[in-house]
Amino acid sequence: MQRALMSGSDDQRLCEAFRDLSRGRMGALEVIWRECSEPLHNYAYALTSSQDEADDMLGDTMVKLARQGWRLRLVRSPRAYLFAAVRNAVTSRARRTRWETPARTNEPSPLQGDHESVAVREAVLALPPEQREVVVLHLWGGLTFEEIGRLTHTSVNTSASRYRYALAKLREMLGEQDDG
């Protein structure tokens, strides 16, 4: 799956970019964008089911990130922080506008990668929201179940269970397609 798990060097680059951004070096936003925009957009899309909303959420997140200043020095896990920021942007927009996740449309899925098929992407998007969120965060975002639990305000066991249930549903959905 695209950029599946980020490597240690990716995390190191993100930590350095956060330090630079905390010192007012706005060029660090480019590094953060290059490293994280695709998985963050995929996550926003998984939460909103809308390309336009996902674009807005990602833009809002980057603007807020640029305004954080010195507080970014306190961030221990930049990757988890960024996913939390996207989730907060989605939640905040929903609360402010009473916006609800729209029904799935026929617009192309942004969940792209070299190895997954259209069927896999569509199956992931068909999962219940809580399971879809965990799958996207774990597989495409590279977050651990502990990080996902903190982000979603659930236990590690709940995050892992949602992932297990999601995998079972994916196998079932994709198995049915192979048989049909």
C-alpha atoms as a PDB file:
ATOM      1  CA  MET A   1       0.000   0.000   0.000  1.00  0.00           C
ATOM      2  CA  GLN A   2       1.271   3.426  -0.814  1.00  0.00           C
ATOM      3  CA  ARG A   3       3.930   4.729   1.497  1.00  0.00           C
ATOM      4  CA  ALA A   4       2.630   2.161   3.905  1.00  0.00           C
ATOM      5  CA  LEU A   5       4.703   2.318   7.024  1.00  0.00           C
ATOM      6  CA  MET A   6       7.010   5.267   7.269  1.00  0.00           C
ATOM      7  CA  SER A   7      10.591   4.429   8.030  1.00  0.00           C
ATOM      8  CA  GLY A   8      12.715   5.672  10.897  1.00  0.00           C
ATOM      9  CA  SER A   9      14.453   8.103   8.551  1.00  0.00           C
ATOM     10  CA  ASP A  10      11.029   9.524   7.602  1.00  0.00           C
ATOM     11  CA  ASP A  11      10.294  10.052  11.295  1.00  0.00           C
ATOM     12  CA  GLN A  12      13.691  11.688  11.771  1.00  0.00           C
ATOM     13  CA  ARG A  13      13.046  14.080   8.864  1.00  0.00           C
ATOM     14  CA  LEU A  14       9.664  14.956  10.350  1.00  0.00           C
ATOM     15  CA  CYS A  15      11.182  15.620  13.784  1.00  0.00           C
ATOM     16  CA  GLU A  16      13.783  17.895  12.193  1.00  0.00           C
ATOM     17  CA  ALA A  17      11.086  19.666  10.175  1.00  0.00           C
ATOM     18  CA  PHE A  18       9.016  20.227  13.322  1.00  0.00           C
ATOM     19  CA  ARG A  19      12.080  21.659  15.099  1.00  0.00           C
ATOM     20  CA  ASP A  20      12.788  23.934  12.135  1.00  0.00           C
ATOM     21  CA  LEU A  21       9.173  25.057  11.968  1.00  0.00           C
ATOM     22  CA  SER A  22       9.209  25.787  15.704  1.00  0.00           C
ATOM     23  CA  ARG A  23      12.106  28.157  14.975  1.00  0.00           C
ATOM     24  CA  GLY A  24      10.104  29.970  12.323  1.00  0.00           C
ATOM     25  CA  ARG A  25      11.697  28.305   9.287  1.00  0.00           C
ATOM     26  CA  MET A  26       8.656  28.043   7.029  1.00  0.00           C
ATOM     27  CA  GLY A  27      10.561  25.985   4.455  1.00  0.00           C
ATOM     28  CA  ALA A  28      10.039  23.053   6.827  1.00  0.00           C
ATOM     29  CA  LEU A  29       6.382  22.986   5.760  1.00  0.00           C
ATOM     30  CA  GLU A  30       7.539  21.732   2.359  1.00  0.00           C
ATOM     31  CA  VAL A  31       9.276  18.763   3.993  1.00  0.00           C
ATOM     32  CA  ILE A  32       6.194  18.000   6.069  1.00  0.00           C
ATOM     33  CA  TRP A  33       3.987  18.304   2.989  1.00  0.00           C
ATOM     34  CA  ARG A  34       6.249  16.035   0.916  1.00  0.00           C
ATOM     35  CA  GLU A  35       6.433  13.394   3.649  1.00  0.00           C
ATOM     36  CA  CYS A  36       2.834  13.411   4.849  1.00  0.00           C
ATOM     37  CA  SER A  37       0.338  15.050   2.501  1.00  0.00           C
ATOM     38  CA  GLU A  38      -0.693  11.838   0.758  1.00  0.00           C
ATOM     39  CA  PRO A  39      -1.385   9.722   3.869  1.00  0.00           C
ATOM     40  CA  LEU A  40      -3.023  12.703   5.609  1.00  0.00           C
ATOM     41  CA  HIS A  41      -5.252  13.342   2.597  1.00  0.00           C
ATOM     42  CA  ASN A  42      -6.193   9.667   2.478  1.00  0.00           C
ATOM     43  CA  TYR A  43      -7.102   9.822   6.167  1.00  0.00           C
ATOM     44  CA  ALA A  44      -9.180  12.983   5.688  1.00  0.00           C
ATOM     45  CA  TYR A  45     -10.942  11.330   2.754  1.00  0.00           C
ATOM     46  CA  ALA A  46     -11.607   8.187   4.800  1.00  0.00           C
ATOM     47  CA  LEU A  47     -13.256  10.389   7.446  1.00  0.00           C
ATOM     48  CA  THR A  48     -15.232  12.629   5.082  1.00  0.00           C
ATOM     49  CA  SER A  49     -15.858  10.597   1.893  1.00  0.00           C
ATOM     50  CA  SER A  50     -15.324  13.814  -0.059  1.00  0.00           C
ATOM     51  CA  GLN A  51     -12.307  14.929  -2.088  1.00  0.00           C
ATOM     52  CA  ASP A  52     -13.189  18.603  -1.570  1.00  0.00           C
ATOM     53  CA  GLU A  53     -13.606  18.208   2.187  1.00  0.00           C
ATOM     54  CA  ALA A  54     -10.365  16.207   2.422  1.00  0.00           C
ATOM     55  CA  ASP A  55      -8.537  18.962   0.514  1.00  0.00           C
ATOM     56  CA  ASP A  56      -9.980  21.592   2.865  1.00  0.00           C
ATOM     57  CA  MET A  57      -9.074  19.595   5.974  1.00  0.00           C
ATOM     58  CA  LEU A  58      -5.504  19.126   4.782  1.00  0.00           C
ATOM     59  CA  GLY A  59      -5.177  22.818   3.957  1.00  0.00           C
ATOM     60  CA  ASP A  60      -6.610  23.826   7.345  1.00  0.00           C
ATOM     61  CA  THR A  61      -4.181  21.475   9.062  1.00  0.00           C
ATOM     62  CA  MET A  62      -1.142  22.921   7.287  1.00  0.00           C
ATOM     63  CA  VAL A  63      -2.185  26.514   8.028  1.00  0.00           C
ATOM     64  CA  LYS A  64      -2.688  25.702  11.717  1.00  0.00           C
ATOM     65  CA  LEU A  65       0.620  23.861  11.790  1.00  0.00           C
ATOM     66  CA  ALA A  66       2.429  26.929  10.439  1.00  0.00           C
ATOM     67  CA  ARG A  67       0.898  28.983  13.265  1.00  0.00           C
ATOM     68  CA  GLN A  68       1.948  26.628  16.076  1.00  0.00           C
ATOM     69  CA  GLY A  69       5.430  28.109  16.419  1.00  0.00           C
ATOM     70  CA  TRP A  70       7.478  27.146  19.470  1.00  0.00           C
ATOM     71  CA  ARG A  71       4.836  24.662  20.687  1.00  0.00           C
ATOM     72  CA  LEU A  72       5.966  22.227  18.000  1.00  0.00           C
ATOM     73  CA  ARG A  73       9.153  21.602  20.015  1.00  0.00           C
ATOM     74  CA  LEU A  74       6.976  19.781  22.544  1.00  0.00           C
ATOM     75  CA  VAL A  75       5.634  17.265  20.001  1.00  0.00           C
ATOM     76  CA  ARG A  76       7.082  13.788  20.546  1.00  0.00           C
ATOM     77  CA  SER A  77       5.484  12.033  17.578  1.00  0.00           C
ATOM     78  CA  PRO A  78       5.041  14.404  14.624  1.00  0.00           C
ATOM     79  CA  ARG A  79       3.266  11.763  12.539  1.00  0.00           C
ATOM     80  CA  ALA A  80       0.662  11.077  15.241  1.00  0.00           C
ATOM     81  CA  TYR A  81       0.335  14.818  15.855  1.00  0.00           C
ATOM     82  CA  LEU A  82      -0.463  15.444  12.182  1.00  0.00           C
ATOM     83  CA  PHE A  83      -3.125  12.736  12.046  1.00  0.00           C
ATOM     84  CA  ALA A  84      -4.659  14.125  15.242  1.00  0.00           C
ATOM     85  CA  ALA A  85      -4.671  17.594  13.669  1.00  0.00           C
ATOM     86  CA  VAL A  86      -6.551  16.295  10.618  1.00  0.00           C
ATOM     87  CA  ARG A  87      -9.033  14.458  12.823  1.00  0.00           C
ATOM     88  CA  ASN A  88      -9.546  17.598  14.912  1.00  0.00           C
ATOM     89  CA  ALA A  89     -10.107  19.665  11.751  1.00  0.00           C
ATOM     90  CA  VAL A  90     -12.776  17.223  10.569  1.00  0.00           C
ATOM     91  CA  THR A  91     -14.453  17.129  13.994  1.00  0.00           C
ATOM     92  CA  SER A  92     -14.320  20.901  14.338  1.00  0.00           C
ATOM     93  CA  ARG A  93     -15.838  21.452  10.883  1.00  0.00           C
ATOM     94  CA  ALA A  94     -18.581  18.924  11.582  1.00  0.00           C
ATOM     95  CA  ARG A  95     -19.423  20.583  14.898  1.00  0.00           C
ATOM     96  CA  ARG A  96     -19.302  24.119  13.480  1.00  0.00           C
ATOM     97  CA  THR A  97     -21.389  23.456  10.377  1.00  0.00           C
ATOM     98  CA  ARG A  98     -23.433  20.453  11.484  1.00  0.00           C
ATOM     99  CA  TRP A  99     -21.846  18.804   8.479  1.00  0.00           C
ATOM    100  CA  GLU A 100     -22.217  15.064   8.232  1.00  0.00           C
ATOM    101  CA  THR A 101     -20.189  12.610   6.222  1.00  0.00           C
ATOM    102  CA  PRO A 102     -21.798  12.560   2.793  1.00  0.00           C
ATOM    103  CA  ALA A 103     -22.947   9.364   1.161  1.00  0.00           C
ATOM    104  CA  ARG A 104     -20.315   7.718  -1.006  1.00  0.00           C
ATOM    105  CA  THR A 105     -20.166   9.310  -4.421  1.00  0.00           C
ATOM    106  CA  ASN A 106     -18.847   8.099  -7.737  1.00  0.00           C
ATOM    107  CA  GLU A 107     -15.811  10.363  -7.526  1.00  0.00           C
ATOM    108  CA  PRO A 108     -12.528   8.487  -7.835  1.00  0.00           C
ATOM    109  CA  SER A 109     -11.020   7.308  -4.586  1.00  0.00           C
ATOM    110  CA  PRO A 110      -7.826   9.102  -3.602  1.00  0.00           C
ATOM    111  CA  LEU A 111      -6.597   6.017  -1.766  1.00  0.00           C
ATOM    112  CA  GLN A 112      -3.977   5.197  -4.318  1.00  0.00           C
ATOM    113  CA  GLY A 113      -0.911   3.101  -4.405  1.00  0.00           C
ATOM    114  CA  ASP A 114       1.089   0.808  -6.547  1.00  0.00           C
ATOM    115  CA  HIS A 115      -0.072  -2.452  -5.046  1.00  0.00           C
ATOM    116  CA  GLU A 116      -3.726  -2.209  -4.208  1.00  0.00           C
ATOM    117  CA  SER A 117      -6.491  -2.729  -6.676  1.00  0.00           C
ATOM    118  CA  VAL A 118      -9.596  -0.631  -7.147  1.00  0.00           C
ATOM    119  CA  ALA A 119     -11.515  -3.420  -5.409  1.00  0.00           C
ATOM    120  CA  VAL A 120      -9.315  -3.181  -2.309  1.00  0.00           C
ATOM    121  CA  ARG A 121      -9.610   0.608  -2.136  1.00  0.00           C
ATOM    122  CA  GLU A 122     -13.367   0.465  -2.539  1.00  0.00           C
ATOM    123  CA  ALA A 123     -13.637  -2.305   0.064  1.00  0.00           C
ATOM    124  CA  VAL A 124     -11.690  -0.187   2.568  1.00  0.00           C
ATOM    125  CA  LEU A 125     -14.015   2.746   1.916  1.00  0.00           C
ATOM    126  CA  ALA A 126     -17.035   0.470   2.434  1.00  0.00           C
ATOM    127  CA  LEU A 127     -15.962  -0.451   5.973  1.00  0.00           C
ATOM    128  CA  PRO A 128     -17.808   1.043   8.952  1.00  0.00           C
ATOM    129  CA  PRO A 129     -16.231   4.429   9.832  1.00  0.00           C
ATOM    130  CA  GLU A 130     -14.469   3.276  13.020  1.00  0.00           C
ATOM    131  CA  GLN A 131     -12.904   0.295  11.284  1.00  0.00           C
ATOM    132  CA  ARG A 132     -12.002   2.278   8.159  1.00  0.00           C
ATOM    133  CA  GLU A 133     -10.281   4.895  10.320  1.00  0.00           C
ATOM    134  CA  VAL A 134      -8.117   2.296  12.076  1.00  0.00           C
ATOM    135  CA  VAL A 135      -7.178   0.583   8.797  1.00  0.00           C
ATOM    136  CA  VAL A 136      -6.166   3.853   7.148  1.00  0.00           C
ATOM    137  CA  LEU A 137      -4.219   5.034  10.197  1.00  0.00           C
ATOM    138  CA  HIS A 138      -2.414   1.727  10.628  1.00  0.00           C
ATOM    139  CA  LEU A 139      -1.714   0.711   7.027  1.00  0.00           C
ATOM    140  CA  TRP A 140      -1.366   4.037   5.243  1.00  0.00           C
ATOM    141  CA  GLY A 141      -0.438   6.218   8.199  1.00  0.00           C
ATOM    142  CA  GLY A 142       1.948   3.828   9.892  1.00  0.00           C
ATOM    143  CA  LEU A 143       0.550   4.512  13.363  1.00  0.00           C
ATOM    144  CA  THR A 144       0.725   1.882  16.080  1.00  0.00           C
ATOM    145  CA  PHE A 145      -2.421   0.677  17.823  1.00  0.00           C
ATOM    146  CA  GLU A 146      -1.301   2.611  20.889  1.00  0.00           C
ATOM    147  CA  GLU A 147      -1.055   5.834  18.843  1.00  0.00           C
ATOM    148  CA  ILE A 148      -4.402   5.094  17.193  1.00  0.00           C
ATOM    149  CA  GLY A 149      -5.971   4.519  20.609  1.00  0.00           C
ATOM    150  CA  ARG A 150      -4.722   7.882  21.870  1.00  0.00           C
ATOM    151  CA  LEU A 151      -5.922   9.600  18.712  1.00  0.00           C
ATOM    152  CA  THR A 152      -9.393   8.029  18.712  1.00  0.00           C
ATOM    153  CA  HIS A 153      -9.765   8.084  22.520  1.00  0.00           C
ATOM    154  CA  THR A 154     -10.070   4.310  22.687  1.00  0.00           C
ATOM    155  CA  SER A 155      -7.974   1.590  24.242  1.00  0.00           C
ATOM    156  CA  VAL A 156      -5.196  -0.222  22.434  1.00  0.00           C
ATOM    157  CA  ASN A 157      -7.361  -3.358  22.542  1.00  0.00           C
ATOM    158  CA  THR A 158     -10.289  -1.547  20.925  1.00  0.00           C
ATOM    159  CA  SER A 159      -8.047  -0.228  18.145  1.00  0.00           C
ATOM    160  CA  ALA A 160      -6.592  -3.681  17.524  1.00  0.00           C
ATOM    161  CA  SER A 161     -10.056  -5.277  17.600  1.00  0.00           C
ATOM    162  CA  ARG A 162     -11.439  -2.794  15.101  1.00  0.00           C
ATOM    163  CA  TYR A 163      -8.489  -3.575  12.856  1.00  0.00           C
ATOM    164  CA  ARG A 164      -9.037  -7.337  13.192  1.00  0.00           C
ATOM    165  CA  TYR A 165     -12.758  -6.985  12.436  1.00  0.00           C
ATOM    166  CA  ALA A 166     -11.956  -4.761   9.462  1.00  0.00           C
ATOM    167  CA  LEU A 167      -9.519  -7.308   8.036  1.00  0.00           C
ATOM    168  CA  ALA A 168     -12.128 -10.044   8.401  1.00  0.00           C
ATOM    169  CA  LYS A 169     -14.705  -7.895   6.592  1.00  0.00           C
ATOM    170  CA  LEU A 170     -12.203  -7.051   3.869  1.00  0.00           C
ATOM    171  CA  ARG A 171     -11.430 -10.741   3.344  1.00  0.00           C
ATOM    172  CA  GLU A 172     -15.153 -11.459   3.169  1.00  0.00           C
ATOM    173  CA  MET A 173     -15.875  -8.601   0.730  1.00  0.00           C
ATOM    174  CA  LEU A 174     -12.933  -9.387  -1.499  1.00  0.00           C
ATOM    175  CA  GLY A 175     -13.535 -13.138  -1.316  1.00  0.00           C
ATOM    176  CA  GLU A 176     -17.118 -12.656  -2.465  1.00  0.00           C
ATOM    177  CA  GLN A 177     -15.887 -10.648  -5.450  1.00  0.00           C
ATOM    178  CA  ASP A 178     -13.449 -13.390  -6.442  1.00  0.00           C
ATOM    179  CA  ASP A 179     -16.230 -16.009  -6.280  1.00  0.00           C
ATOM    180  CA  GLY A 180     -18.739 -13.871  -8.223  1.00  0.00           C
END
